[in-house]
Amino acid sequence: MKNIFFSTLFAVTTVLVSAQMPDGPPDNEKVESLRIAFLTNYLDLTSEESQKFWPVYNQMRDELKVVMDKEMNLKKDKDFSKMSDAELNQVMKDHFDNEQKILDTKKKYAEEFKKVLPLRKVVLLADAENEFKRKLLEHAKDRKGPGGVRE
């Protein structure tokens, strides 16, 4: 199992480096391919589990993206220093509503995942996603020199 993990880690790092455009972010398709490989290996999904898991996972991500896009737009181009207390309260309420929607969506899909995966793998999913994000952030950080400037 450790050999598979380290092989995957090496592959992820290699592909991330090659997916990196000279001055831009990694290619989204390649990052998604890496996510699939990483989560599949981290969760040790069988081919039967994969066939059932990925459609549910992709549906969850689509739902979460809608809420996260709302959250991004909530604060986009807003000058909080010029807003009234009532407007600020509404922004704060909307933010907490979005956070609750994210949590509710994750709870809903945890139940869906339990229908297609063993409970141990459902519990490991959050760790797997966090580990993948951490590796992406590490990679991005490594590509920048001192002061956050790309080398």
Protein backbone atom coordinates (compact mmCIF):
# COMPACT_ATOMS: atom_id res chain seq x y z
CA MET A 1 0.00 0.00 0.00
CA LYS A 2 2.85 2.40 0.85
CA ASN A 3 4.51 1.66 -2.49
CA ILE A 4 1.30 2.53 -4.32
CA PHE A 5 0.97 5.74 -2.32
CA PHE A 6 4.54 6.86 -3.01
CA SER A 7 4.27 5.90 -6.68
CA THR A 8 1.09 7.96 -6.92
CA LEU A 9 2.73 10.83 -5.09
CA PHE A 10 5.64 10.77 -7.54
CA ALA A 11 3.26 10.61 -10.51
CA VAL A 12 1.17 13.48 -9.17
CA THR A 13 4.24 15.64 -8.66
CA THR A 14 5.61 14.80 -12.08
CA VAL A 15 2.35 15.51 -13.88
CA LEU A 16 1.79 18.72 -11.92
CA VAL A 17 5.19 19.98 -12.96
CA SER A 18 4.54 19.08 -16.59
CA ALA A 19 0.97 20.47 -16.44
CA GLN A 20 2.21 23.82 -15.22
CA MET A 21 2.04 26.44 -17.93
CA PRO A 22 5.07 28.78 -18.00
CA ASP A 23 3.36 31.68 -16.25
CA GLY A 24 -0.09 30.36 -15.41
CA PRO A 25 -1.99 27.86 -13.35
CA PRO A 26 -2.00 24.12 -14.07
CA ASP A 27 -4.29 22.88 -16.84
CA ASN A 28 -7.68 22.11 -15.22
CA GLU A 29 -8.13 18.86 -17.16
CA LYS A 30 -4.77 17.58 -15.97
CA VAL A 31 -5.51 18.59 -12.38
CA GLU A 32 -8.82 16.74 -12.56
CA SER A 33 -7.04 13.67 -13.95
CA LEU A 34 -4.60 13.90 -11.07
CA ARG A 35 -7.48 14.26 -8.60
CA ILE A 36 -9.07 11.09 -9.97
CA ALA A 37 -5.82 9.15 -9.77
CA PHE A 38 -4.98 10.47 -6.32
CA LEU A 39 -8.40 9.83 -4.78
CA THR A 40 -8.68 6.42 -6.42
CA ASN A 41 -5.34 5.38 -4.95
CA TYR A 42 -5.81 7.07 -1.58
CA LEU A 43 -9.20 5.41 -1.10
CA ASP A 44 -7.97 2.19 -2.70
CA LEU A 45 -11.08 2.06 -4.88
CA THR A 46 -11.81 -1.13 -6.76
CA SER A 47 -12.99 -0.79 -10.36
CA GLU A 48 -16.55 -1.61 -9.25
CA GLU A 49 -16.39 1.03 -6.49
CA SER A 50 -14.95 3.57 -8.93
CA GLN A 51 -17.79 3.06 -11.39
CA LYS A 52 -20.32 3.85 -8.64
CA PHE A 53 -18.31 6.48 -6.76
CA TRP A 54 -17.26 8.93 -9.49
CA PRO A 55 -20.72 9.87 -10.79
CA VAL A 56 -21.86 10.61 -7.21
CA TYR A 57 -18.63 12.49 -6.43
CA ASN A 58 -18.90 14.60 -9.60
CA GLN A 59 -22.52 15.43 -8.85
CA MET A 60 -21.51 16.54 -5.33
CA ARG A 61 -18.72 18.72 -6.72
CA ASP A 62 -21.12 20.32 -9.19
CA GLU A 63 -23.54 21.19 -6.38
CA LEU A 64 -20.75 22.53 -4.18
CA LYS A 65 -19.39 24.63 -7.04
CA VAL A 66 -22.71 26.44 -7.39
CA VAL A 67 -22.68 27.39 -3.70
CA MET A 68 -19.00 28.33 -3.73
CA ASP A 69 -19.53 30.52 -6.79
CA LYS A 70 -22.32 32.31 -4.90
CA GLU A 71 -19.91 32.83 -2.01
CA MET A 72 -17.24 34.26 -4.30
CA ASN A 73 -19.76 36.63 -5.89
CA LEU A 74 -21.08 37.67 -2.49
CA LYS A 75 -17.97 39.71 -1.74
CA LYS A 76 -16.79 40.43 -5.26
CA ASP A 77 -16.38 44.12 -6.05
CA LYS A 78 -17.93 45.16 -2.74
CA ASP A 79 -16.59 48.08 -0.75
CA PHE A 80 -17.48 47.13 2.81
CA SER A 81 -16.32 50.50 4.12
CA LYS A 82 -19.20 52.16 2.27
CA MET A 83 -21.92 49.68 3.25
CA SER A 84 -24.55 50.32 5.89
CA ASP A 85 -24.86 48.05 8.91
CA ALA A 86 -28.00 46.54 7.40
CA GLU A 87 -26.12 45.71 4.17
CA LEU A 88 -23.19 44.27 6.13
CA ASN A 89 -25.58 42.16 8.19
CA GLN A 90 -27.09 40.81 4.97
CA VAL A 91 -23.64 39.96 3.59
CA MET A 92 -22.83 38.13 6.83
CA LYS A 93 -26.19 36.30 6.79
CA ASP A 94 -25.68 35.27 3.17
CA HIS A 95 -22.17 34.04 3.99
CA PHE A 96 -23.43 31.83 6.83
CA ASP A 97 -26.29 30.58 4.64
CA ASN A 98 -23.72 29.51 2.03
CA GLU A 99 -21.58 27.80 4.66
CA GLN A 100 -24.65 25.91 5.87
CA LYS A 101 -25.52 24.87 2.30
CA ILE A 102 -21.99 23.51 1.88
CA LEU A 103 -22.28 21.52 5.10
CA ASP A 104 -25.75 20.26 4.18
CA THR A 105 -24.51 19.17 0.75
CA LYS A 106 -21.56 17.30 2.28
CA LYS A 107 -23.88 15.55 4.75
CA LYS A 108 -26.28 14.59 1.97
CA TYR A 109 -23.50 13.11 -0.14
CA ALA A 110 -21.93 11.29 2.80
CA GLU A 111 -25.18 9.33 2.90
CA GLU A 112 -24.99 8.73 -0.86
CA PHE A 113 -21.36 7.59 -0.62
CA LYS A 114 -22.31 5.09 2.09
CA LYS A 115 -24.53 3.41 -0.53
CA VAL A 116 -21.59 2.82 -2.91
CA LEU A 117 -18.51 2.56 -0.64
CA PRO A 118 -17.55 0.92 2.63
CA LEU A 119 -17.91 3.34 5.55
CA ARG A 120 -14.12 3.41 6.10
CA LYS A 121 -13.62 4.83 2.60
CA VAL A 122 -16.39 7.38 3.08
CA VAL A 123 -14.67 8.63 6.22
CA LEU A 124 -11.30 8.75 4.43
CA LEU A 125 -12.68 10.83 1.56
CA ALA A 126 -12.37 14.17 3.37
CA ASP A 127 -8.77 13.33 4.31
CA ALA A 128 -8.03 12.37 0.72
CA GLU A 129 -9.46 15.63 -0.63
CA ASN A 130 -7.53 17.68 1.93
CA GLU A 131 -4.30 15.85 1.16
CA PHE A 132 -4.75 16.45 -2.56
CA LYS A 133 -5.38 20.17 -1.98
CA ARG A 134 -2.35 20.35 0.28
CA LYS A 135 -0.15 18.80 -2.41
CA LEU A 136 -1.48 21.25 -5.01
CA LEU A 137 -0.76 24.19 -2.70
CA GLU A 138 2.71 22.85 -1.92
CA HIS A 139 3.40 22.53 -5.62
CA ALA A 140 2.21 26.08 -6.29
CA LYS A 141 4.30 27.38 -3.39
CA ASP A 142 7.39 25.53 -4.64
CA ARG A 143 6.98 27.13 -8.07
CA LYS A 144 7.19 30.60 -6.55
CA GLY A 145 10.39 32.11 -5.35
CA PRO A 146 10.93 34.38 -2.35
CA GLY A 147 8.19 36.96 -1.93
CA GLY A 148 5.64 34.85 -3.85
CA VAL A 149 7.07 35.70 -7.28
CA ARG A 150 7.22 33.00 -9.94
CA GLU A 151 10.67 31.87 -10.86
